[in-house]
Amino acid sequence: MKSTVSSLEPAVELAAELRVSWLQGNHLMVFTPDMTEESLMLDRPLYKRIFDEIHVLGRMRGVEISFPEPVMARESRSGHAPCFVPWGAVQILGNGDVMACCIPGTKVGNLGEERLESIWNGPAMQAFRGRVNTDDPPEACSVCPMYRLPNNFASYVPGLASAERSVFEGRVARLQS
């Protein structure tokens, strides 16, 4: 995020000092409207410069850097890479809600109402699994920041309402041209 990019160089230096061989980063996942302006998706030149500088520093210090490539000029599109999360894990929130994954909007049950085994094998989870990798995934999957396609600009702001996501997509798309 914009306000923390200055911490990347010290993080690489610390990794080298501690003999950490690999650092991984990702774009900010915007879950509230007030965080939108912190997204480096809205400042492609800054992200490209930071990306290049951190990779050079990493090579010099013996630290492999794994950050997403800068988004190149292309149209925004929906969709995500294949997801296997709902077949291997669930997220359980403090209120007992069981989520098919860590993304808000994937609730498939509540432990206060039924047992985990019933939820895992139940109709909500089966329906989620049946749609997750289709051309009509649940809305949360269509903006998934974990298995996003690089040009699914809405997936960088999964917590925003649909109209706000559309505005963000338009802003990013205009910057790409």
C-alpha atoms as a PDB file:
ATOM      1  CA  MET A   1       0.000   0.000   0.000  1.00  0.00           C
ATOM      2  CA  LYS A   2       1.164   3.533  -0.718  1.00  0.00           C
ATOM      3  CA  SER A   3       1.763   4.512   2.889  1.00  0.00           C
ATOM      4  CA  THR A   4       4.014   1.512   3.585  1.00  0.00           C
ATOM      5  CA  VAL A   5       6.158   1.199   0.447  1.00  0.00           C
ATOM      6  CA  SER A   6       9.009   2.861   2.323  1.00  0.00           C
ATOM      7  CA  SER A   7       9.166  -0.212   4.594  1.00  0.00           C
ATOM      8  CA  LEU A   8      10.047  -2.563   1.735  1.00  0.00           C
ATOM      9  CA  GLU A   9      13.738  -1.701   1.501  1.00  0.00           C
ATOM     10  CA  PRO A  10      14.287  -2.125   5.276  1.00  0.00           C
ATOM     11  CA  ALA A  11      12.363  -5.419   5.083  1.00  0.00           C
ATOM     12  CA  VAL A  12      14.738  -6.727   2.401  1.00  0.00           C
ATOM     13  CA  GLU A  13      17.737  -5.565   4.434  1.00  0.00           C
ATOM     14  CA  LEU A  14      16.394  -7.274   7.565  1.00  0.00           C
ATOM     15  CA  ALA A  15      15.706 -10.452   5.606  1.00  0.00           C
ATOM     16  CA  ALA A  16      19.307 -10.446   4.353  1.00  0.00           C
ATOM     17  CA  GLU A  17      20.632  -9.814   7.854  1.00  0.00           C
ATOM     18  CA  LEU A  18      18.558 -12.702   9.244  1.00  0.00           C
ATOM     19  CA  ARG A  19      19.486 -14.922   6.283  1.00  0.00           C
ATOM     20  CA  VAL A  20      15.895 -15.159   5.104  1.00  0.00           C
ATOM     21  CA  SER A  21      16.130 -16.213   1.485  1.00  0.00           C
ATOM     22  CA  TRP A  22      12.666 -15.300   0.204  1.00  0.00           C
ATOM     23  CA  LEU A  23      10.128 -12.509   0.677  1.00  0.00           C
ATOM     24  CA  GLN A  24       6.634 -12.607  -0.751  1.00  0.00           C
ATOM     25  CA  GLY A  25       4.263  -9.692  -1.100  1.00  0.00           C
ATOM     26  CA  ASN A  26       0.930  -8.939  -2.668  1.00  0.00           C
ATOM     27  CA  HIS A  27      -1.208  -5.962  -3.525  1.00  0.00           C
ATOM     28  CA  LEU A  28      -3.343  -4.440  -0.819  1.00  0.00           C
ATOM     29  CA  MET A  29      -6.738  -6.117  -0.510  1.00  0.00           C
ATOM     30  CA  VAL A  30      -9.187  -3.258  -0.052  1.00  0.00           C
ATOM     31  CA  PHE A  31     -12.041  -4.260   2.212  1.00  0.00           C
ATOM     32  CA  THR A  32     -13.240  -0.759   3.185  1.00  0.00           C
ATOM     33  CA  PRO A  33     -13.810   2.315   1.001  1.00  0.00           C
ATOM     34  CA  ASP A  34     -11.368   4.442   3.022  1.00  0.00           C
ATOM     35  CA  MET A  35      -8.494   2.179   1.932  1.00  0.00           C
ATOM     36  CA  THR A  36      -9.069   2.619  -1.824  1.00  0.00           C
ATOM     37  CA  GLU A  37      -6.558   5.433  -2.249  1.00  0.00           C
ATOM     38  CA  GLU A  38      -3.859   3.292  -0.599  1.00  0.00           C
ATOM     39  CA  SER A  39      -3.951   0.843  -3.518  1.00  0.00           C
ATOM     40  CA  LEU A  40      -0.858   0.923  -5.694  1.00  0.00           C
ATOM     41  CA  MET A  41      -3.096  -0.227  -8.533  1.00  0.00           C
ATOM     42  CA  LEU A  42      -3.964   3.463  -8.838  1.00  0.00           C
ATOM     43  CA  ASP A  43      -0.301   4.441  -9.267  1.00  0.00           C
ATOM     44  CA  ARG A  44       1.171   2.101 -11.849  1.00  0.00           C
ATOM     45  CA  PRO A  45       4.433   4.083 -12.340  1.00  0.00           C
ATOM     46  CA  LEU A  46       5.127   4.065  -8.580  1.00  0.00           C
ATOM     47  CA  TYR A  47       4.451   0.344  -8.317  1.00  0.00           C
ATOM     48  CA  LYS A  48       6.674  -0.429 -11.312  1.00  0.00           C
ATOM     49  CA  ARG A  49       9.507   1.672  -9.849  1.00  0.00           C
ATOM     50  CA  ILE A  50       9.213   0.035  -6.410  1.00  0.00           C
ATOM     51  CA  PHE A  51       8.912  -3.428  -7.994  1.00  0.00           C
ATOM     52  CA  ASP A  52      12.099  -2.903 -10.005  1.00  0.00           C
ATOM     53  CA  GLU A  53      14.057  -1.353  -7.111  1.00  0.00           C
ATOM     54  CA  ILE A  54      13.123  -4.073  -4.625  1.00  0.00           C
ATOM     55  CA  HIS A  55      14.038  -6.823  -7.090  1.00  0.00           C
ATOM     56  CA  VAL A  56      17.452  -5.238  -7.707  1.00  0.00           C
ATOM     57  CA  LEU A  57      18.037  -4.884  -3.962  1.00  0.00           C
ATOM     58  CA  GLY A  58      16.913  -8.464  -3.387  1.00  0.00           C
ATOM     59  CA  ARG A  59      19.377  -9.774  -5.975  1.00  0.00           C
ATOM     60  CA  MET A  60      22.185  -7.709  -4.422  1.00  0.00           C
ATOM     61  CA  ARG A  61      21.372  -8.959  -0.912  1.00  0.00           C
ATOM     62  CA  GLY A  62      20.651 -12.592  -1.839  1.00  0.00           C
ATOM     63  CA  VAL A  63      16.919 -12.409  -1.099  1.00  0.00           C
ATOM     64  CA  GLU A  64      14.464 -13.740  -3.666  1.00  0.00           C
ATOM     65  CA  ILE A  65      11.527 -11.359  -4.062  1.00  0.00           C
ATOM     66  CA  SER A  66       8.109 -12.646  -5.052  1.00  0.00           C
ATOM     67  CA  PHE A  67       5.757  -9.757  -5.769  1.00  0.00           C
ATOM     68  CA  PRO A  68       3.056  -9.653  -8.433  1.00  0.00           C
ATOM     69  CA  GLU A  69       4.240  -8.274 -11.754  1.00  0.00           C
ATOM     70  CA  PRO A  70       3.079  -4.735 -12.508  1.00  0.00           C
ATOM     71  CA  VAL A  71      -0.276  -4.844 -14.265  1.00  0.00           C
ATOM     72  CA  MET A  72       0.184  -4.087 -17.911  1.00  0.00           C
ATOM     73  CA  ALA A  73      -2.275  -2.241 -20.106  1.00  0.00           C
ATOM     74  CA  ARG A  74      -5.209  -4.542 -20.678  1.00  0.00           C
ATOM     75  CA  GLU A  75      -8.949  -4.550 -20.250  1.00  0.00           C
ATOM     76  CA  SER A  76     -10.392  -5.507 -16.908  1.00  0.00           C
ATOM     77  CA  ARG A  77     -12.100  -8.867 -16.833  1.00  0.00           C
ATOM     78  CA  SER A  78     -13.829 -10.966 -14.262  1.00  0.00           C
ATOM     79  CA  GLY A  79     -12.819 -14.426 -13.172  1.00  0.00           C
ATOM     80  CA  HIS A  80     -10.189 -16.166 -11.126  1.00  0.00           C
ATOM     81  CA  ALA A  81      -7.659 -18.946 -11.359  1.00  0.00           C
ATOM     82  CA  PRO A  82      -8.842 -22.439 -10.371  1.00  0.00           C
ATOM     83  CA  CYS A  83      -9.587 -22.633  -6.656  1.00  0.00           C
ATOM     84  CA  PHE A  84      -9.298 -25.757  -4.553  1.00  0.00           C
ATOM     85  CA  VAL A  85      -9.737 -24.168  -1.102  1.00  0.00           C
ATOM     86  CA  PRO A  86     -13.332 -25.325  -0.440  1.00  0.00           C
ATOM     87  CA  TRP A  87     -12.257 -28.969  -0.738  1.00  0.00           C
ATOM     88  CA  GLY A  88      -9.482 -28.690   1.839  1.00  0.00           C
ATOM     89  CA  ALA A  89     -10.346 -26.115   4.489  1.00  0.00           C
ATOM     90  CA  VAL A  90     -12.908 -23.749   5.947  1.00  0.00           C
ATOM     91  CA  GLN A  91     -12.574 -20.584   7.988  1.00  0.00           C
ATOM     92  CA  ILE A  92     -14.372 -20.398  11.325  1.00  0.00           C
ATOM     93  CA  LEU A  93     -15.100 -16.958  12.703  1.00  0.00           C
ATOM     94  CA  GLY A  94     -15.434 -16.036  16.367  1.00  0.00           C
ATOM     95  CA  ASN A  95     -19.227 -15.878  16.091  1.00  0.00           C
ATOM     96  CA  GLY A  96     -19.336 -19.472  14.821  1.00  0.00           C
ATOM     97  CA  ASP A  97     -19.852 -18.618  11.168  1.00  0.00           C
ATOM     98  CA  VAL A  98     -18.219 -21.145   8.854  1.00  0.00           C
ATOM     99  CA  MET A  99     -16.825 -19.677   5.654  1.00  0.00           C
ATOM    100  CA  ALA A 100     -15.901 -21.654   2.531  1.00  0.00           C
ATOM    101  CA  CYS A 101     -12.696 -19.594   2.463  1.00  0.00           C
ATOM    102  CA  CYS A 102     -11.206 -16.448   3.980  1.00  0.00           C
ATOM    103  CA  ILE A 103     -13.062 -14.066   1.670  1.00  0.00           C
ATOM    104  CA  PRO A 104     -16.084 -12.225   3.116  1.00  0.00           C
ATOM    105  CA  GLY A 105     -19.356 -13.411   1.603  1.00  0.00           C
ATOM    106  CA  THR A 106     -18.584 -17.140   1.623  1.00  0.00           C
ATOM    107  CA  LYS A 107     -20.605 -18.165   4.687  1.00  0.00           C
ATOM    108  CA  VAL A 108     -21.875 -21.737   4.418  1.00  0.00           C
ATOM    109  CA  GLY A 109     -23.126 -22.304   7.970  1.00  0.00           C
ATOM    110  CA  ASN A 110     -22.782 -21.581  11.674  1.00  0.00           C
ATOM    111  CA  LEU A 111     -21.464 -23.866  14.405  1.00  0.00           C
ATOM    112  CA  GLY A 112     -24.151 -22.586  16.767  1.00  0.00           C
ATOM    113  CA  GLU A 113     -26.766 -24.092  14.489  1.00  0.00           C
ATOM    114  CA  GLU A 114     -25.147 -27.310  13.235  1.00  0.00           C
ATOM    115  CA  ARG A 115     -22.048 -29.445  13.513  1.00  0.00           C
ATOM    116  CA  LEU A 116     -18.997 -28.834  11.347  1.00  0.00           C
ATOM    117  CA  GLU A 117     -19.373 -32.227   9.648  1.00  0.00           C
ATOM    118  CA  SER A 118     -22.919 -31.330   8.618  1.00  0.00           C
ATOM    119  CA  ILE A 119     -21.775 -27.990   7.257  1.00  0.00           C
ATOM    120  CA  TRP A 120     -18.791 -29.533   5.432  1.00  0.00           C
ATOM    121  CA  ASN A 121     -21.034 -32.053   3.673  1.00  0.00           C
ATOM    122  CA  GLY A 122     -24.156 -29.894   3.597  1.00  0.00           C
ATOM    123  CA  PRO A 123     -26.051 -28.282   0.749  1.00  0.00           C
ATOM    124  CA  ALA A 124     -24.560 -24.788   1.139  1.00  0.00           C
ATOM    125  CA  MET A 125     -20.988 -26.068   0.933  1.00  0.00           C
ATOM    126  CA  GLN A 126     -21.870 -28.437  -1.921  1.00  0.00           C
ATOM    127  CA  ALA A 127     -23.500 -25.572  -3.829  1.00  0.00           C
ATOM    128  CA  PHE A 128     -20.459 -23.370  -3.223  1.00  0.00           C
ATOM    129  CA  ARG A 129     -18.117 -26.084  -4.476  1.00  0.00           C
ATOM    130  CA  GLY A 130     -20.360 -26.618  -7.487  1.00  0.00           C
ATOM    131  CA  ARG A 131     -20.081 -22.983  -8.559  1.00  0.00           C
ATOM    132  CA  VAL A 132     -16.630 -21.832  -7.465  1.00  0.00           C
ATOM    133  CA  ASN A 133     -14.809 -22.831 -10.654  1.00  0.00           C
ATOM    134  CA  THR A 134     -17.585 -22.149 -13.152  1.00  0.00           C
ATOM    135  CA  ASP A 135     -18.287 -19.183 -15.408  1.00  0.00           C
ATOM    136  CA  ASP A 136     -20.868 -18.124 -12.791  1.00  0.00           C
ATOM    137  CA  PRO A 137     -18.993 -18.287  -9.465  1.00  0.00           C
ATOM    138  CA  PRO A 138     -20.364 -16.831  -6.223  1.00  0.00           C
ATOM    139  CA  GLU A 139     -19.879 -13.052  -6.162  1.00  0.00           C
ATOM    140  CA  ALA A 140     -17.112 -13.325  -3.554  1.00  0.00           C
ATOM    141  CA  CYS A 141     -15.184 -15.605  -5.939  1.00  0.00           C
ATOM    142  CA  SER A 142     -15.593 -13.238  -8.870  1.00  0.00           C
ATOM    143  CA  VAL A 143     -13.541 -10.678  -6.925  1.00  0.00           C
ATOM    144  CA  CYS A 144     -11.251 -13.145  -5.134  1.00  0.00           C
ATOM    145  CA  PRO A 145      -7.932 -11.483  -4.268  1.00  0.00           C
ATOM    146  CA  MET A 146      -6.221 -14.814  -3.551  1.00  0.00           C
ATOM    147  CA  TYR A 147      -6.737 -16.549  -6.907  1.00  0.00           C
ATOM    148  CA  ARG A 148      -7.243 -13.436  -8.994  1.00  0.00           C
ATOM    149  CA  LEU A 149      -6.410 -13.007 -12.595  1.00  0.00           C
ATOM    150  CA  PRO A 150      -3.963 -10.083 -12.863  1.00  0.00           C
ATOM    151  CA  ASN A 151      -6.387  -7.994 -14.888  1.00  0.00           C
ATOM    152  CA  ASN A 152      -9.424  -8.650 -12.687  1.00  0.00           C
ATOM    153  CA  PHE A 153      -9.220  -5.141 -11.281  1.00  0.00           C
ATOM    154  CA  ALA A 154     -12.313  -5.620  -9.094  1.00  0.00           C
ATOM    155  CA  SER A 155     -10.445  -8.371  -7.221  1.00  0.00           C
ATOM    156  CA  TYR A 156      -8.108  -5.766  -5.745  1.00  0.00           C
ATOM    157  CA  VAL A 157     -11.052  -4.214  -3.865  1.00  0.00           C
ATOM    158  CA  PRO A 158     -13.197  -7.202  -2.802  1.00  0.00           C
ATOM    159  CA  GLY A 159     -14.710  -5.442   0.186  1.00  0.00           C
ATOM    160  CA  LEU A 160     -16.291  -2.644  -1.793  1.00  0.00           C
ATOM    161  CA  ALA A 161     -19.879  -2.645  -2.936  1.00  0.00           C
ATOM    162  CA  SER A 162     -20.428  -3.546  -6.580  1.00  0.00           C
ATOM    163  CA  ALA A 163     -20.859   0.089  -7.681  1.00  0.00           C
ATOM    164  CA  GLU A 164     -17.668   1.149  -5.866  1.00  0.00           C
ATOM    165  CA  ARG A 165     -15.769  -1.767  -7.430  1.00  0.00           C
ATOM    166  CA  SER A 166     -16.938  -0.624 -10.869  1.00  0.00           C
ATOM    167  CA  VAL A 167     -15.635   2.898 -10.205  1.00  0.00           C
ATOM    168  CA  PHE A 168     -12.278   1.461  -9.101  1.00  0.00           C
ATOM    169  CA  GLU A 169     -12.119  -0.780 -12.201  1.00  0.00           C
ATOM    170  CA  GLY A 170     -12.755   2.250 -14.394  1.00  0.00           C
ATOM    171  CA  ARG A 171     -10.037   4.277 -12.679  1.00  0.00           C
ATOM    172  CA  VAL A 172      -7.469   1.494 -13.057  1.00  0.00           C
ATOM    173  CA  ALA A 173      -8.468   0.839 -16.678  1.00  0.00           C
ATOM    174  CA  ARG A 174      -8.044   4.536 -17.533  1.00  0.00           C
ATOM    175  CA  LEU A 175      -4.562   4.490 -15.970  1.00  0.00           C
ATOM    176  CA  GLN A 176      -3.587   1.467 -18.055  1.00  0.00           C
ATOM    177  CA  SER A 177      -4.075   3.230 -21.362  1.00  0.00           C
END
